[in-house]
Amino acid sequence: MGAIPQVRAAGGLVVQEREGEQQVAVIHRPRYDDWSLPKGKLHPGEEWEAGALREVREETGFECELGDELESATYLDRKGRRKHVRYWLMRPIRGEFEPGDEADELRWVPPAEAQELLTYDHDRALIRALGGG
């Protein structure tokens, strides 16, 4: 099965309907100058689902409800560590984005536009699974 991941992270594909059109939340992270889906490392002892909801809330400002689990991704991070990220489909319940250190911009975009904007293949694959291209 391969090595045990050194880094466990979780995040969400946050989707809402706007004017009858599906839109996804994509964030810009100034530290990496990239566009990605909201995600982050789990705290020690934190459950996957709780970590996913917390990270999405911290990076987007939105409290979300958890939907289905999506395909996970395992890859080497920038420090060469094995990183395993689990994602869930999420719907925003309440909240508002405020720029911060982790994410300085959030865009609600149609899935096809998210495909163009996102930096990473594994993020684009989740959008494709949603039916966005």
N, C-alpha and C. Protein backbone atom coordinates (compact mmCIF):
# COMPACT_ATOMS: atom_id res chain seq x y z
N MET A 1 0.82 -1.21 0.00
CA MET A 1 0.00 0.00 0.00
C MET A 1 0.86 1.26 0.00
N GLY A 2 2.13 1.16 0.27
CA GLY A 2 2.96 2.36 0.27
C GLY A 2 3.17 2.89 1.67
N ALA A 3 3.95 3.93 1.75
CA ALA A 3 4.32 4.51 3.04
C ALA A 3 3.12 5.21 3.68
N ILE A 4 3.14 5.27 4.99
CA ILE A 4 2.10 5.97 5.74
C ILE A 4 2.30 7.47 5.55
N PRO A 5 1.23 8.20 5.22
CA PRO A 5 1.39 9.64 5.03
C PRO A 5 1.93 10.32 6.29
N GLN A 6 2.86 11.25 6.09
CA GLN A 6 3.40 12.01 7.20
C GLN A 6 2.50 13.20 7.53
N VAL A 7 1.75 13.67 6.55
CA VAL A 7 0.90 14.83 6.73
C VAL A 7 -0.53 14.44 6.39
N ARG A 8 -1.45 14.69 7.34
CA ARG A 8 -2.87 14.43 7.10
C ARG A 8 -3.58 15.77 7.00
N ALA A 9 -4.34 15.92 5.92
CA ALA A 9 -5.05 17.18 5.71
C ALA A 9 -6.45 16.89 5.20
N ALA A 10 -7.32 17.89 5.31
CA ALA A 10 -8.69 17.72 4.86
C ALA A 10 -9.22 19.06 4.38
N GLY A 11 -10.20 18.98 3.49
CA GLY A 11 -10.75 20.21 2.95
C GLY A 11 -12.09 19.97 2.29
N GLY A 12 -12.54 20.98 1.56
CA GLY A 12 -13.86 20.88 0.97
C GLY A 12 -13.98 21.50 -0.39
N LEU A 13 -14.90 20.93 -1.14
CA LEU A 13 -15.36 21.51 -2.39
C LEU A 13 -16.68 22.19 -2.03
N VAL A 14 -16.62 23.51 -1.82
CA VAL A 14 -17.77 24.27 -1.33
C VAL A 14 -18.58 24.74 -2.54
N VAL A 15 -19.84 24.31 -2.59
CA VAL A 15 -20.69 24.56 -3.75
C VAL A 15 -21.97 25.26 -3.31
N GLN A 16 -22.39 26.24 -4.11
CA GLN A 16 -23.67 26.89 -3.88
C GLN A 16 -24.35 27.13 -5.22
N GLU A 17 -25.66 27.32 -5.16
CA GLU A 17 -26.42 27.69 -6.36
C GLU A 17 -26.58 29.20 -6.33
N ARG A 18 -26.27 29.84 -7.46
CA ARG A 18 -26.49 31.28 -7.59
C ARG A 18 -27.18 31.52 -8.92
N GLU A 19 -28.37 32.11 -8.86
CA GLU A 19 -29.14 32.39 -10.06
C GLU A 19 -29.26 31.14 -10.93
N GLY A 20 -29.53 30.02 -10.28
CA GLY A 20 -29.74 28.76 -11.00
C GLY A 20 -28.48 28.11 -11.53
N GLU A 21 -27.32 28.66 -11.17
CA GLU A 21 -26.05 28.12 -11.66
C GLU A 21 -25.20 27.63 -10.49
N GLN A 22 -24.57 26.49 -10.69
CA GLN A 22 -23.69 25.95 -9.65
C GLN A 22 -22.38 26.75 -9.63
N GLN A 23 -21.94 27.14 -8.44
CA GLN A 23 -20.67 27.85 -8.29
C GLN A 23 -19.85 27.20 -7.19
N VAL A 24 -18.53 27.22 -7.35
CA VAL A 24 -17.63 26.65 -6.35
C VAL A 24 -16.72 27.73 -5.79
N ALA A 25 -16.32 27.56 -4.54
CA ALA A 25 -15.43 28.51 -3.88
C ALA A 25 -13.99 28.10 -4.15
N VAL A 26 -13.22 29.06 -4.68
CA VAL A 26 -11.80 28.86 -4.96
C VAL A 26 -11.05 29.97 -4.24
N ILE A 27 -9.97 29.59 -3.52
CA ILE A 27 -9.24 30.60 -2.75
C ILE A 27 -7.84 30.82 -3.31
N HIS A 28 -7.36 32.06 -3.12
CA HIS A 28 -5.97 32.39 -3.47
C HIS A 28 -5.16 32.44 -2.18
N ARG A 29 -4.05 31.68 -2.18
CA ARG A 29 -3.17 31.66 -1.00
C ARG A 29 -1.92 32.45 -1.30
N PRO A 30 -1.74 33.61 -0.63
CA PRO A 30 -0.60 34.46 -0.94
C PRO A 30 0.76 33.82 -0.64
N ARG A 31 0.81 32.94 0.36
CA ARG A 31 2.07 32.31 0.72
C ARG A 31 2.64 31.50 -0.44
N TYR A 32 1.75 30.86 -1.21
CA TYR A 32 2.18 30.02 -2.33
C TYR A 32 1.86 30.65 -3.68
N ASP A 33 1.14 31.78 -3.67
CA ASP A 33 0.64 32.42 -4.89
C ASP A 33 -0.03 31.39 -5.79
N ASP A 34 -0.98 30.67 -5.20
CA ASP A 34 -1.71 29.67 -5.97
C ASP A 34 -3.20 29.81 -5.73
N TRP A 35 -3.98 29.14 -6.57
CA TRP A 35 -5.43 29.05 -6.42
C TRP A 35 -5.75 27.61 -6.08
N SER A 36 -6.49 27.39 -5.00
CA SER A 36 -6.78 26.03 -4.60
C SER A 36 -8.15 25.94 -3.93
N LEU A 37 -8.54 24.70 -3.66
CA LEU A 37 -9.71 24.47 -2.84
C LEU A 37 -9.28 24.61 -1.38
N PRO A 38 -10.17 25.10 -0.52
CA PRO A 38 -9.79 25.27 0.89
C PRO A 38 -9.48 23.93 1.56
N LYS A 39 -8.33 23.88 2.20
CA LYS A 39 -7.91 22.66 2.91
C LYS A 39 -6.78 23.01 3.85
N GLY A 40 -6.45 22.07 4.74
CA GLY A 40 -5.33 22.30 5.63
C GLY A 40 -5.07 21.08 6.50
N LYS A 41 -3.97 21.16 7.24
CA LYS A 41 -3.54 20.04 8.08
C LYS A 41 -4.47 19.85 9.28
N LEU A 42 -4.65 18.58 9.63
CA LEU A 42 -5.43 18.25 10.82
C LEU A 42 -4.62 18.56 12.08
N HIS A 43 -5.31 18.94 13.12
CA HIS A 43 -4.67 19.08 14.43
C HIS A 43 -4.47 17.67 15.00
N PRO A 44 -3.49 17.48 15.89
CA PRO A 44 -3.30 16.15 16.49
C PRO A 44 -4.59 15.65 17.13
N GLY A 45 -4.98 14.42 16.79
CA GLY A 45 -6.17 13.81 17.36
C GLY A 45 -7.49 14.27 16.76
N GLU A 46 -7.43 15.20 15.81
CA GLU A 46 -8.65 15.72 15.20
C GLU A 46 -9.21 14.73 14.18
N GLU A 47 -10.53 14.58 14.17
CA GLU A 47 -11.19 13.71 13.20
C GLU A 47 -11.14 14.38 11.82
N TRP A 48 -11.14 13.55 10.77
CA TRP A 48 -11.06 14.05 9.40
C TRP A 48 -12.17 15.07 9.09
N GLU A 49 -13.42 14.69 9.39
CA GLU A 49 -14.56 15.54 9.05
C GLU A 49 -14.49 16.87 9.80
N ALA A 50 -14.16 16.82 11.08
CA ALA A 50 -14.06 18.04 11.89
C ALA A 50 -12.95 18.94 11.35
N GLY A 51 -11.84 18.33 10.96
CA GLY A 51 -10.72 19.10 10.41
C GLY A 51 -11.09 19.76 9.09
N ALA A 52 -11.84 19.03 8.25
CA ALA A 52 -12.26 19.58 6.96
C ALA A 52 -13.16 20.80 7.18
N LEU A 53 -14.13 20.68 8.07
CA LEU A 53 -15.04 21.79 8.35
C LEU A 53 -14.29 22.98 8.96
N ARG A 54 -13.37 22.71 9.88
CA ARG A 54 -12.60 23.79 10.52
C ARG A 54 -11.75 24.52 9.50
N GLU A 55 -11.02 23.77 8.67
CA GLU A 55 -10.14 24.40 7.69
C GLU A 55 -10.93 25.25 6.69
N VAL A 56 -12.06 24.72 6.23
CA VAL A 56 -12.88 25.49 5.29
C VAL A 56 -13.37 26.77 5.97
N ARG A 57 -13.80 26.66 7.23
CA ARG A 57 -14.26 27.85 7.97
C ARG A 57 -13.13 28.86 8.13
N GLU A 58 -11.92 28.38 8.48
CA GLU A 58 -10.79 29.29 8.70
C GLU A 58 -10.39 30.00 7.40
N GLU A 59 -10.43 29.29 6.28
CA GLU A 59 -9.93 29.87 5.03
C GLU A 59 -10.99 30.63 4.24
N THR A 60 -12.27 30.26 4.42
CA THR A 60 -13.32 30.92 3.63
C THR A 60 -14.25 31.81 4.46
N GLY A 61 -14.30 31.59 5.77
CA GLY A 61 -15.23 32.32 6.62
C GLY A 61 -16.61 31.69 6.67
N PHE A 62 -16.82 30.58 5.93
CA PHE A 62 -18.14 29.96 5.87
C PHE A 62 -18.25 28.73 6.74
N GLU A 63 -19.33 28.69 7.54
CA GLU A 63 -19.71 27.45 8.22
C GLU A 63 -20.44 26.64 7.18
N CYS A 64 -20.08 25.39 7.04
CA CYS A 64 -20.67 24.55 6.00
C CYS A 64 -21.29 23.29 6.58
N GLU A 65 -22.17 22.69 5.78
CA GLU A 65 -22.65 21.35 6.13
C GLU A 65 -21.94 20.38 5.21
N LEU A 66 -21.62 19.24 5.80
CA LEU A 66 -20.86 18.20 5.10
C LEU A 66 -21.76 17.40 4.19
N GLY A 67 -21.30 17.19 2.96
CA GLY A 67 -21.99 16.31 2.02
C GLY A 67 -21.18 15.03 1.86
N ASP A 68 -21.23 14.46 0.67
CA ASP A 68 -20.52 13.21 0.40
C ASP A 68 -19.01 13.41 0.42
N GLU A 69 -18.30 12.36 0.81
CA GLU A 69 -16.85 12.40 0.70
C GLU A 69 -16.48 12.22 -0.77
N LEU A 70 -15.48 12.98 -1.20
CA LEU A 70 -15.01 12.94 -2.58
C LEU A 70 -13.71 12.16 -2.65
N GLU A 71 -13.14 12.08 -3.82
CA GLU A 71 -11.89 11.35 -3.99
C GLU A 71 -10.76 12.06 -3.24
N SER A 72 -9.95 11.28 -2.54
CA SER A 72 -8.83 11.87 -1.80
C SER A 72 -7.61 11.98 -2.71
N ALA A 73 -6.62 12.71 -2.25
CA ALA A 73 -5.38 12.89 -3.01
C ALA A 73 -4.19 12.58 -2.12
N THR A 74 -3.20 11.90 -2.66
CA THR A 74 -1.95 11.66 -1.93
C THR A 74 -0.81 12.10 -2.84
N TYR A 75 0.06 12.93 -2.30
CA TYR A 75 1.16 13.46 -3.11
C TYR A 75 2.28 13.92 -2.19
N LEU A 76 3.41 14.28 -2.78
CA LEU A 76 4.52 14.82 -2.00
C LEU A 76 4.32 16.33 -1.89
N ASP A 77 4.41 16.84 -0.67
CA ASP A 77 4.25 18.28 -0.48
C ASP A 77 5.56 19.01 -0.81
N ARG A 78 5.58 20.32 -0.61
CA ARG A 78 6.75 21.12 -0.97
C ARG A 78 8.01 20.76 -0.18
N LYS A 79 7.80 20.07 0.97
CA LYS A 79 8.95 19.67 1.79
C LYS A 79 9.31 18.21 1.55
N GLY A 80 8.68 17.58 0.53
CA GLY A 80 8.99 16.20 0.20
C GLY A 80 8.33 15.17 1.10
N ARG A 81 7.36 15.62 1.90
CA ARG A 81 6.64 14.69 2.78
C ARG A 81 5.43 14.14 2.05
N ARG A 82 5.07 12.90 2.40
CA ARG A 82 3.87 12.29 1.84
C ARG A 82 2.65 12.91 2.50
N LYS A 83 1.77 13.47 1.70
CA LYS A 83 0.59 14.17 2.23
C LYS A 83 -0.67 13.50 1.70
N HIS A 84 -1.60 13.22 2.60
CA HIS A 84 -2.87 12.62 2.23
C HIS A 84 -3.98 13.62 2.57
N VAL A 85 -4.76 14.00 1.56
CA VAL A 85 -5.83 14.98 1.76
C VAL A 85 -7.17 14.34 1.42
N ARG A 86 -8.11 14.42 2.36
CA ARG A 86 -9.47 13.95 2.13
C ARG A 86 -10.37 15.16 1.95
N TYR A 87 -11.30 15.06 0.99
CA TYR A 87 -12.20 16.16 0.65
C TYR A 87 -13.65 15.74 0.79
N TRP A 88 -14.49 16.72 1.13
CA TRP A 88 -15.94 16.50 1.16
C TRP A 88 -16.62 17.59 0.36
N LEU A 89 -17.75 17.22 -0.22
CA LEU A 89 -18.63 18.20 -0.83
C LEU A 89 -19.26 18.97 0.32
N MET A 90 -19.32 20.29 0.22
CA MET A 90 -19.87 21.11 1.30
C MET A 90 -20.78 22.18 0.73
N ARG A 91 -21.77 22.55 1.55
CA ARG A 91 -22.65 23.67 1.21
C ARG A 91 -22.54 24.72 2.31
N PRO A 92 -22.36 25.98 1.92
CA PRO A 92 -22.26 27.03 2.95
C PRO A 92 -23.61 27.27 3.62
N ILE A 93 -23.59 27.42 4.94
CA ILE A 93 -24.81 27.69 5.71
C ILE A 93 -24.86 29.18 6.07
N ARG A 94 -23.74 29.67 6.60
CA ARG A 94 -23.67 31.09 6.98
C ARG A 94 -22.19 31.49 7.01
N GLY A 95 -21.98 32.79 7.00
CA GLY A 95 -20.62 33.29 7.08
C GLY A 95 -20.33 34.27 5.96
N GLU A 96 -19.10 34.77 5.99
CA GLU A 96 -18.68 35.76 5.01
C GLU A 96 -17.17 35.70 4.91
N PHE A 97 -16.65 35.82 3.70
CA PHE A 97 -15.21 35.77 3.51
C PHE A 97 -14.57 37.08 3.94
N GLU A 98 -13.48 36.95 4.69
CA GLU A 98 -12.65 38.10 5.02
C GLU A 98 -11.22 37.74 4.69
N PRO A 99 -10.54 38.57 3.87
CA PRO A 99 -9.15 38.25 3.52
C PRO A 99 -8.27 38.11 4.76
N GLY A 100 -7.35 37.16 4.70
CA GLY A 100 -6.43 36.93 5.82
C GLY A 100 -5.09 36.44 5.31
N ASP A 101 -4.25 35.97 6.25
CA ASP A 101 -2.92 35.50 5.89
C ASP A 101 -2.96 34.24 5.03
N GLU A 102 -3.90 33.33 5.35
CA GLU A 102 -3.96 32.06 4.62
C GLU A 102 -4.60 32.22 3.25
N ALA A 103 -5.67 33.00 3.18
CA ALA A 103 -6.37 33.22 1.92
C ALA A 103 -6.70 34.71 1.80
N ASP A 104 -6.19 35.33 0.74
CA ASP A 104 -6.42 36.77 0.59
C ASP A 104 -7.52 37.09 -0.43
N GLU A 105 -8.02 36.05 -1.12
CA GLU A 105 -9.11 36.26 -2.06
C GLU A 105 -9.92 34.98 -2.19
N LEU A 106 -11.23 35.13 -2.30
CA LEU A 106 -12.12 34.01 -2.56
C LEU A 106 -12.99 34.39 -3.74
N ARG A 107 -13.10 33.46 -4.70
CA ARG A 107 -13.97 33.70 -5.84
C ARG A 107 -15.00 32.57 -5.91
N TRP A 108 -16.26 32.94 -6.15
CA TRP A 108 -17.32 31.99 -6.46
C TRP A 108 -17.39 31.94 -7.98
N VAL A 109 -17.04 30.80 -8.55
CA VAL A 109 -16.99 30.69 -10.00
C VAL A 109 -17.70 29.42 -10.48
N PRO A 110 -18.19 29.44 -11.73
CA PRO A 110 -18.76 28.21 -12.28
C PRO A 110 -17.68 27.14 -12.39
N PRO A 111 -18.05 25.86 -12.35
CA PRO A 111 -17.05 24.79 -12.41
C PRO A 111 -16.06 24.91 -13.57
N ALA A 112 -16.52 25.29 -14.74
CA ALA A 112 -15.61 25.39 -15.89
C ALA A 112 -14.55 26.47 -15.66
N GLU A 113 -14.94 27.56 -15.02
CA GLU A 113 -13.98 28.63 -14.73
C GLU A 113 -13.01 28.19 -13.62
N ALA A 114 -13.52 27.42 -12.67
CA ALA A 114 -12.66 26.89 -11.60
C ALA A 114 -11.56 26.02 -12.21
N GLN A 115 -11.91 25.24 -13.22
CA GLN A 115 -10.92 24.39 -13.90
C GLN A 115 -9.75 25.23 -14.42
N GLU A 116 -10.06 26.40 -14.96
CA GLU A 116 -9.02 27.27 -15.54
C GLU A 116 -8.19 27.93 -14.44
N LEU A 117 -8.86 28.27 -13.33
CA LEU A 117 -8.23 29.05 -12.26
C LEU A 117 -7.34 28.20 -11.35
N LEU A 118 -7.80 26.98 -11.04
CA LEU A 118 -7.09 26.15 -10.05
C LEU A 118 -5.68 25.78 -10.51
N THR A 119 -4.76 25.79 -9.56
CA THR A 119 -3.35 25.52 -9.84
C THR A 119 -3.05 24.02 -9.92
N TYR A 120 -3.76 23.20 -9.14
CA TYR A 120 -3.35 21.80 -8.97
C TYR A 120 -4.29 20.81 -9.66
N ASP A 121 -3.69 19.79 -10.25
CA ASP A 121 -4.45 18.76 -10.97
C ASP A 121 -5.47 18.07 -10.08
N HIS A 122 -5.07 17.74 -8.82
CA HIS A 122 -6.02 17.02 -7.97
C HIS A 122 -7.24 17.87 -7.63
N ASP A 123 -7.08 19.19 -7.55
CA ASP A 123 -8.23 20.07 -7.33
C ASP A 123 -9.12 20.07 -8.58
N ARG A 124 -8.50 20.15 -9.75
CA ARG A 124 -9.28 20.16 -11.00
C ARG A 124 -10.03 18.84 -11.18
N ALA A 125 -9.43 17.73 -10.74
CA ALA A 125 -10.08 16.42 -10.86
C ALA A 125 -11.36 16.38 -10.02
N LEU A 126 -11.37 17.03 -8.87
CA LEU A 126 -12.58 17.07 -8.03
C LEU A 126 -13.69 17.86 -8.73
N ILE A 127 -13.30 18.94 -9.41
CA ILE A 127 -14.29 19.73 -10.14
C ILE A 127 -14.85 18.90 -11.30
N ARG A 128 -14.00 18.16 -11.98
CA ARG A 128 -14.46 17.30 -13.08
C ARG A 128 -15.47 16.28 -12.56
N ALA A 129 -15.19 15.71 -11.38
CA ALA A 129 -16.09 14.73 -10.79
C ALA A 129 -17.45 15.34 -10.47
N LEU A 130 -17.45 16.65 -10.21
CA LEU A 130 -18.68 17.38 -9.92
C LEU A 130 -19.50 17.56 -11.20
N GLY A 131 -18.83 17.37 -12.34
CA GLY A 131 -19.51 17.55 -13.62
C GLY A 131 -19.15 18.87 -14.26
N GLY A 132 -17.99 19.39 -13.86
CA GLY A 132 -17.59 20.71 -14.37
C GLY A 132 -16.56 20.64 -15.47
N GLY A 133 -16.68 19.70 -16.39
CA GLY A 133 -15.77 19.72 -17.53
C GLY A 133 -14.96 18.52 -17.63
